[in-house]
Amino acid sequence: MPRLRKPEKRDGAAIWELVRACKPLDENSMYCNLIQADHFADTCVVAELDGDIVGWISGHIVPGENTVFVWQVAVSEKARGMGLGRAMLEELLERDACDDVERLQTTITEDNAASWALFRSFARSMGGKLSDDPHYEREAHFDGHHDTEHMVTITLPEPLARAA
């Protein structure tokens, strides 16, 4: 199993390359991934195997809410089938930055079967409740250039129950 850790700014370029290789994830600029690794390390996770970055979660605490928003989950082909996506999500929720988190949110397009499977499985394993609604809509928010993103919300069990 890869080693899970907080990212460092030196990881930015490798994270960017991983995201580019993990279709259908949206590619951001290398600078964006650098900023995520540098400024949001407490709510991002890197998985490292033999010196290579093979997994990445970018996330942040939603301002004013007890919610962690997971922006992207990327797993390299050479690390698939190991349960790495779920392990990284669990690592994220164990961080001090997530001590008061009551919900995990992400957005997923309707046709992204792998992401739906990951978050449904994660919700079941955590004893959480998953709900979803269209949130960023194709015409209203993306000017017809991107499929509608559903806001997926996993209401987590009480923190003590999670720790058990």
C-alpha atoms as a PDB file:
ATOM      1  CA  MET A   1       0.000   0.000   0.000  1.00  0.00           C
ATOM      2  CA  PRO A   2       1.329   3.468  -0.835  1.00  0.00           C
ATOM      3  CA  ARG A   3       2.378   5.818   1.958  1.00  0.00           C
ATOM      4  CA  LEU A   4      -0.238   8.519   2.612  1.00  0.00           C
ATOM      5  CA  ARG A   5       0.917  11.981   3.623  1.00  0.00           C
ATOM      6  CA  LYS A   6       0.257  15.684   3.392  1.00  0.00           C
ATOM      7  CA  PRO A   7       1.461  17.203   0.129  1.00  0.00           C
ATOM      8  CA  GLU A   8       4.330  19.644  -0.069  1.00  0.00           C
ATOM      9  CA  LYS A   9       4.809  22.393  -2.613  1.00  0.00           C
ATOM     10  CA  ARG A  10       7.559  20.351  -4.301  1.00  0.00           C
ATOM     11  CA  ASP A  11       4.785  17.829  -5.189  1.00  0.00           C
ATOM     12  CA  GLY A  12       2.838  20.309  -7.342  1.00  0.00           C
ATOM     13  CA  ALA A  13       4.211  19.275 -10.734  1.00  0.00           C
ATOM     14  CA  ALA A  14       3.860  15.539 -10.032  1.00  0.00           C
ATOM     15  CA  ILE A  15       0.283  16.056  -8.832  1.00  0.00           C
ATOM     16  CA  TRP A  16      -0.476  17.977 -12.017  1.00  0.00           C
ATOM     17  CA  GLU A  17       0.920  15.115 -14.139  1.00  0.00           C
ATOM     18  CA  LEU A  18      -1.138  12.554 -12.206  1.00  0.00           C
ATOM     19  CA  VAL A  19      -4.371  14.524 -12.656  1.00  0.00           C
ATOM     20  CA  ARG A  20      -3.658  14.918 -16.392  1.00  0.00           C
ATOM     21  CA  ALA A  21      -3.292  11.121 -16.661  1.00  0.00           C
ATOM     22  CA  CYS A  22      -6.547  10.401 -14.808  1.00  0.00           C
ATOM     23  CA  LYS A  23      -9.321  11.061 -17.299  1.00  0.00           C
ATOM     24  CA  PRO A  24     -12.066  12.279 -17.013  1.00  0.00           C
ATOM     25  CA  LEU A  25     -10.757  14.574 -14.263  1.00  0.00           C
ATOM     26  CA  ASP A  26     -10.670  18.234 -15.212  1.00  0.00           C
ATOM     27  CA  GLU A  27      -7.136  19.472 -15.664  1.00  0.00           C
ATOM     28  CA  ASN A  28      -6.227  22.538 -13.684  1.00  0.00           C
ATOM     29  CA  SER A  29      -3.097  24.586 -14.139  1.00  0.00           C
ATOM     30  CA  MET A  30       0.125  23.349 -12.583  1.00  0.00           C
ATOM     31  CA  TYR A  31       0.025  26.524 -10.513  1.00  0.00           C
ATOM     32  CA  CYS A  32      -3.392  25.544  -9.114  1.00  0.00           C
ATOM     33  CA  ASN A  33      -2.052  22.159  -7.992  1.00  0.00           C
ATOM     34  CA  LEU A  34       1.009  23.861  -6.511  1.00  0.00           C
ATOM     35  CA  ILE A  35      -1.190  26.230  -4.489  1.00  0.00           C
ATOM     36  CA  GLN A  36      -3.386  23.332  -3.335  1.00  0.00           C
ATOM     37  CA  ALA A  37      -0.331  21.381  -2.158  1.00  0.00           C
ATOM     38  CA  ASP A  38       1.187  24.418  -0.469  1.00  0.00           C
ATOM     39  CA  HIS A  39      -1.799  26.277   1.022  1.00  0.00           C
ATOM     40  CA  PHE A  40      -4.286  23.437   1.595  1.00  0.00           C
ATOM     41  CA  ALA A  41      -1.958  20.612   2.680  1.00  0.00           C
ATOM     42  CA  ASP A  42      -4.031  19.912   5.797  1.00  0.00           C
ATOM     43  CA  THR A  43      -7.018  18.939   3.648  1.00  0.00           C
ATOM     44  CA  CYS A  44      -5.190  17.313   0.739  1.00  0.00           C
ATOM     45  CA  VAL A  45      -3.670  13.831   0.569  1.00  0.00           C
ATOM     46  CA  VAL A  46      -0.817  12.436  -1.503  1.00  0.00           C
ATOM     47  CA  ALA A  47      -0.166   8.719  -1.924  1.00  0.00           C
ATOM     48  CA  GLU A  48       3.446   7.860  -2.656  1.00  0.00           C
ATOM     49  CA  LEU A  49       4.776   4.515  -3.910  1.00  0.00           C
ATOM     50  CA  ASP A  50       8.461   3.926  -4.664  1.00  0.00           C
ATOM     51  CA  GLY A  51       9.055   7.684  -4.794  1.00  0.00           C
ATOM     52  CA  ASP A  52       6.200   8.310  -7.257  1.00  0.00           C
ATOM     53  CA  ILE A  53       2.949  10.103  -6.519  1.00  0.00           C
ATOM     54  CA  VAL A  54       0.211   7.602  -7.357  1.00  0.00           C
ATOM     55  CA  GLY A  55      -2.736   9.163  -5.554  1.00  0.00           C
ATOM     56  CA  TRP A  56      -4.104  12.609  -4.818  1.00  0.00           C
ATOM     57  CA  ILE A  57      -7.062  14.141  -3.045  1.00  0.00           C
ATOM     58  CA  SER A  58      -7.577  17.874  -3.152  1.00  0.00           C
ATOM     59  CA  GLY A  59      -9.989  19.294  -0.643  1.00  0.00           C
ATOM     60  CA  HIS A  60     -10.793  22.191   1.611  1.00  0.00           C
ATOM     61  CA  ILE A  61     -13.042  23.077   4.523  1.00  0.00           C
ATOM     62  CA  VAL A  62     -16.049  25.030   3.236  1.00  0.00           C
ATOM     63  CA  PRO A  63     -15.903  28.477   4.894  1.00  0.00           C
ATOM     64  CA  GLY A  64     -18.380  28.782   7.748  1.00  0.00           C
ATOM     65  CA  GLU A  65     -19.472  25.137   7.575  1.00  0.00           C
ATOM     66  CA  ASN A  66     -18.451  21.856   9.189  1.00  0.00           C
ATOM     67  CA  THR A  67     -17.993  20.409   5.716  1.00  0.00           C
ATOM     68  CA  VAL A  68     -14.940  19.160   3.889  1.00  0.00           C
ATOM     69  CA  PHE A  69     -15.265  19.525   0.127  1.00  0.00           C
ATOM     70  CA  VAL A  70     -13.310  17.004  -1.942  1.00  0.00           C
ATOM     71  CA  TRP A  71     -12.447  18.596  -5.264  1.00  0.00           C
ATOM     72  CA  GLN A  72     -10.582  15.743  -6.939  1.00  0.00           C
ATOM     73  CA  VAL A  73      -9.604  12.146  -6.296  1.00  0.00           C
ATOM     74  CA  ALA A  74      -6.903  10.818  -8.632  1.00  0.00           C
ATOM     75  CA  VAL A  75      -5.408   7.325  -8.575  1.00  0.00           C
ATOM     76  CA  SER A  76      -2.683   6.253 -10.971  1.00  0.00           C
ATOM     77  CA  GLU A  77      -3.288   3.177 -13.109  1.00  0.00           C
ATOM     78  CA  LYS A  78      -0.456   1.404 -11.314  1.00  0.00           C
ATOM     79  CA  ALA A  79      -2.223   1.848  -7.951  1.00  0.00           C
ATOM     80  CA  ARG A  80      -5.782   0.971  -8.943  1.00  0.00           C
ATOM     81  CA  GLY A  81      -7.565  -1.940  -7.321  1.00  0.00           C
ATOM     82  CA  MET A  82      -5.823  -1.373  -3.969  1.00  0.00           C
ATOM     83  CA  GLY A  83      -8.648   0.564  -2.294  1.00  0.00           C
ATOM     84  CA  LEU A  84      -6.466   3.675  -2.428  1.00  0.00           C
ATOM     85  CA  GLY A  85      -9.294   6.144  -3.084  1.00  0.00           C
ATOM     86  CA  ARG A  86     -11.155   5.075   0.043  1.00  0.00           C
ATOM     87  CA  ALA A  87      -7.927   4.913   2.093  1.00  0.00           C
ATOM     88  CA  MET A  88      -7.113   8.507   1.126  1.00  0.00           C
ATOM     89  CA  LEU A  89     -10.630   9.661   2.073  1.00  0.00           C
ATOM     90  CA  GLU A  90     -10.281   7.947   5.452  1.00  0.00           C
ATOM     91  CA  GLU A  91      -6.844   9.560   5.942  1.00  0.00           C
ATOM     92  CA  LEU A  92      -8.351  12.963   5.169  1.00  0.00           C
ATOM     93  CA  LEU A  93     -11.108  12.593   7.761  1.00  0.00           C
ATOM     94  CA  GLU A  94      -8.583  11.513  10.408  1.00  0.00           C
ATOM     95  CA  ARG A  95      -6.691  14.808  10.091  1.00  0.00           C
ATOM     96  CA  ASP A  96      -6.921  17.395  12.882  1.00  0.00           C
ATOM     97  CA  ALA A  97      -8.280  19.865  10.320  1.00  0.00           C
ATOM     98  CA  CYS A  98     -11.363  17.651   9.984  1.00  0.00           C
ATOM     99  CA  ASP A  99     -12.076  17.195  13.702  1.00  0.00           C
ATOM    100  CA  ASP A 100     -15.332  19.187  13.491  1.00  0.00           C
ATOM    101  CA  VAL A 101     -16.407  17.939  10.068  1.00  0.00           C
ATOM    102  CA  GLU A 102     -19.969  16.631   9.923  1.00  0.00           C
ATOM    103  CA  ARG A 103     -20.284  16.302   6.147  1.00  0.00           C
ATOM    104  CA  LEU A 104     -18.143  15.416   3.188  1.00  0.00           C
ATOM    105  CA  GLN A 105     -19.145  16.896  -0.162  1.00  0.00           C
ATOM    106  CA  THR A 106     -17.978  16.470  -3.708  1.00  0.00           C
ATOM    107  CA  THR A 107     -19.412  17.024  -7.160  1.00  0.00           C
ATOM    108  CA  ILE A 108     -19.758  14.237  -9.714  1.00  0.00           C
ATOM    109  CA  THR A 109     -21.102  14.176 -13.259  1.00  0.00           C
ATOM    110  CA  GLU A 110     -23.870  11.672 -13.887  1.00  0.00           C
ATOM    111  CA  ASP A 111     -21.707   9.459 -16.123  1.00  0.00           C
ATOM    112  CA  ASN A 112     -18.663   9.148 -13.826  1.00  0.00           C
ATOM    113  CA  ALA A 113     -19.328   5.586 -12.631  1.00  0.00           C
ATOM    114  CA  ALA A 114     -15.980   5.206 -10.867  1.00  0.00           C
ATOM    115  CA  SER A 115     -16.543   8.275  -8.674  1.00  0.00           C
ATOM    116  CA  TRP A 116     -20.112   7.278  -7.837  1.00  0.00           C
ATOM    117  CA  ALA A 117     -18.900   3.808  -6.837  1.00  0.00           C
ATOM    118  CA  LEU A 118     -16.105   5.239  -4.662  1.00  0.00           C
ATOM    119  CA  PHE A 119     -18.294   7.679  -2.752  1.00  0.00           C
ATOM    120  CA  ARG A 120     -21.196   5.245  -2.329  1.00  0.00           C
ATOM    121  CA  SER A 121     -18.805   2.612  -1.004  1.00  0.00           C
ATOM    122  CA  PHE A 122     -17.140   5.159   1.261  1.00  0.00           C
ATOM    123  CA  ALA A 123     -20.486   6.326   2.676  1.00  0.00           C
ATOM    124  CA  ARG A 124     -21.474   2.724   3.454  1.00  0.00           C
ATOM    125  CA  SER A 125     -18.129   1.952   5.086  1.00  0.00           C
ATOM    126  CA  MET A 126     -18.343   5.075   7.273  1.00  0.00           C
ATOM    127  CA  GLY A 127     -21.980   4.516   8.220  1.00  0.00           C
ATOM    128  CA  GLY A 128     -22.860   7.807   6.545  1.00  0.00           C
ATOM    129  CA  LYS A 129     -25.890   8.863   4.549  1.00  0.00           C
ATOM    130  CA  LEU A 130     -25.347   9.877   0.892  1.00  0.00           C
ATOM    131  CA  SER A 131     -27.600  12.287  -0.983  1.00  0.00           C
ATOM    132  CA  ASP A 132     -27.193  14.179  -4.246  1.00  0.00           C
ATOM    133  CA  ASP A 133     -28.772  16.972  -6.242  1.00  0.00           C
ATOM    134  CA  PRO A 134     -27.836  18.745  -9.474  1.00  0.00           C
ATOM    135  CA  HIS A 135     -25.711  21.687  -8.364  1.00  0.00           C
ATOM    136  CA  TYR A 136     -23.535  23.157 -11.095  1.00  0.00           C
ATOM    137  CA  GLU A 137     -25.746  22.873 -14.140  1.00  0.00           C
ATOM    138  CA  ARG A 138     -24.667  22.534 -17.754  1.00  0.00           C
ATOM    139  CA  GLU A 139     -26.498  25.583 -19.113  1.00  0.00           C
ATOM    140  CA  ALA A 140     -26.803  27.768 -16.010  1.00  0.00           C
ATOM    141  CA  HIS A 141     -23.210  27.470 -14.799  1.00  0.00           C
ATOM    142  CA  PHE A 142     -21.076  25.975 -17.587  1.00  0.00           C
ATOM    143  CA  ASP A 143     -22.571  27.781 -20.588  1.00  0.00           C
ATOM    144  CA  GLY A 144     -23.195  24.380 -22.184  1.00  0.00           C
ATOM    145  CA  HIS A 145     -19.494  23.401 -22.094  1.00  0.00           C
ATOM    146  CA  HIS A 146     -19.535  20.859 -19.250  1.00  0.00           C
ATOM    147  CA  ASP A 147     -21.956  18.257 -17.972  1.00  0.00           C
ATOM    148  CA  THR A 148     -24.012  19.033 -14.876  1.00  0.00           C
ATOM    149  CA  GLU A 149     -22.184  18.302 -11.640  1.00  0.00           C
ATOM    150  CA  HIS A 150     -24.241  16.731  -8.862  1.00  0.00           C
ATOM    151  CA  MET A 151     -23.471  17.860  -5.326  1.00  0.00           C
ATOM    152  CA  VAL A 152     -22.940  14.662  -3.396  1.00  0.00           C
ATOM    153  CA  THR A 153     -23.253  15.056   0.360  1.00  0.00           C
ATOM    154  CA  ILE A 154     -22.266  12.359   2.815  1.00  0.00           C
ATOM    155  CA  THR A 155     -23.575  13.098   6.282  1.00  0.00           C
ATOM    156  CA  LEU A 156     -21.072  11.467   8.592  1.00  0.00           C
ATOM    157  CA  PRO A 157     -21.826   9.742  11.882  1.00  0.00           C
ATOM    158  CA  GLU A 158     -20.857  11.474  15.101  1.00  0.00           C
ATOM    159  CA  PRO A 159     -17.090  11.963  15.450  1.00  0.00           C
ATOM    160  CA  LEU A 160     -16.784   9.481  18.322  1.00  0.00           C
ATOM    161  CA  ALA A 161     -18.612   6.841  16.316  1.00  0.00           C
ATOM    162  CA  ARG A 162     -16.223   7.455  13.389  1.00  0.00           C
ATOM    163  CA  ALA A 163     -13.221   7.013  15.643  1.00  0.00           C
ATOM    164  CA  ALA A 164     -14.532   3.664  16.901  1.00  0.00           C
END
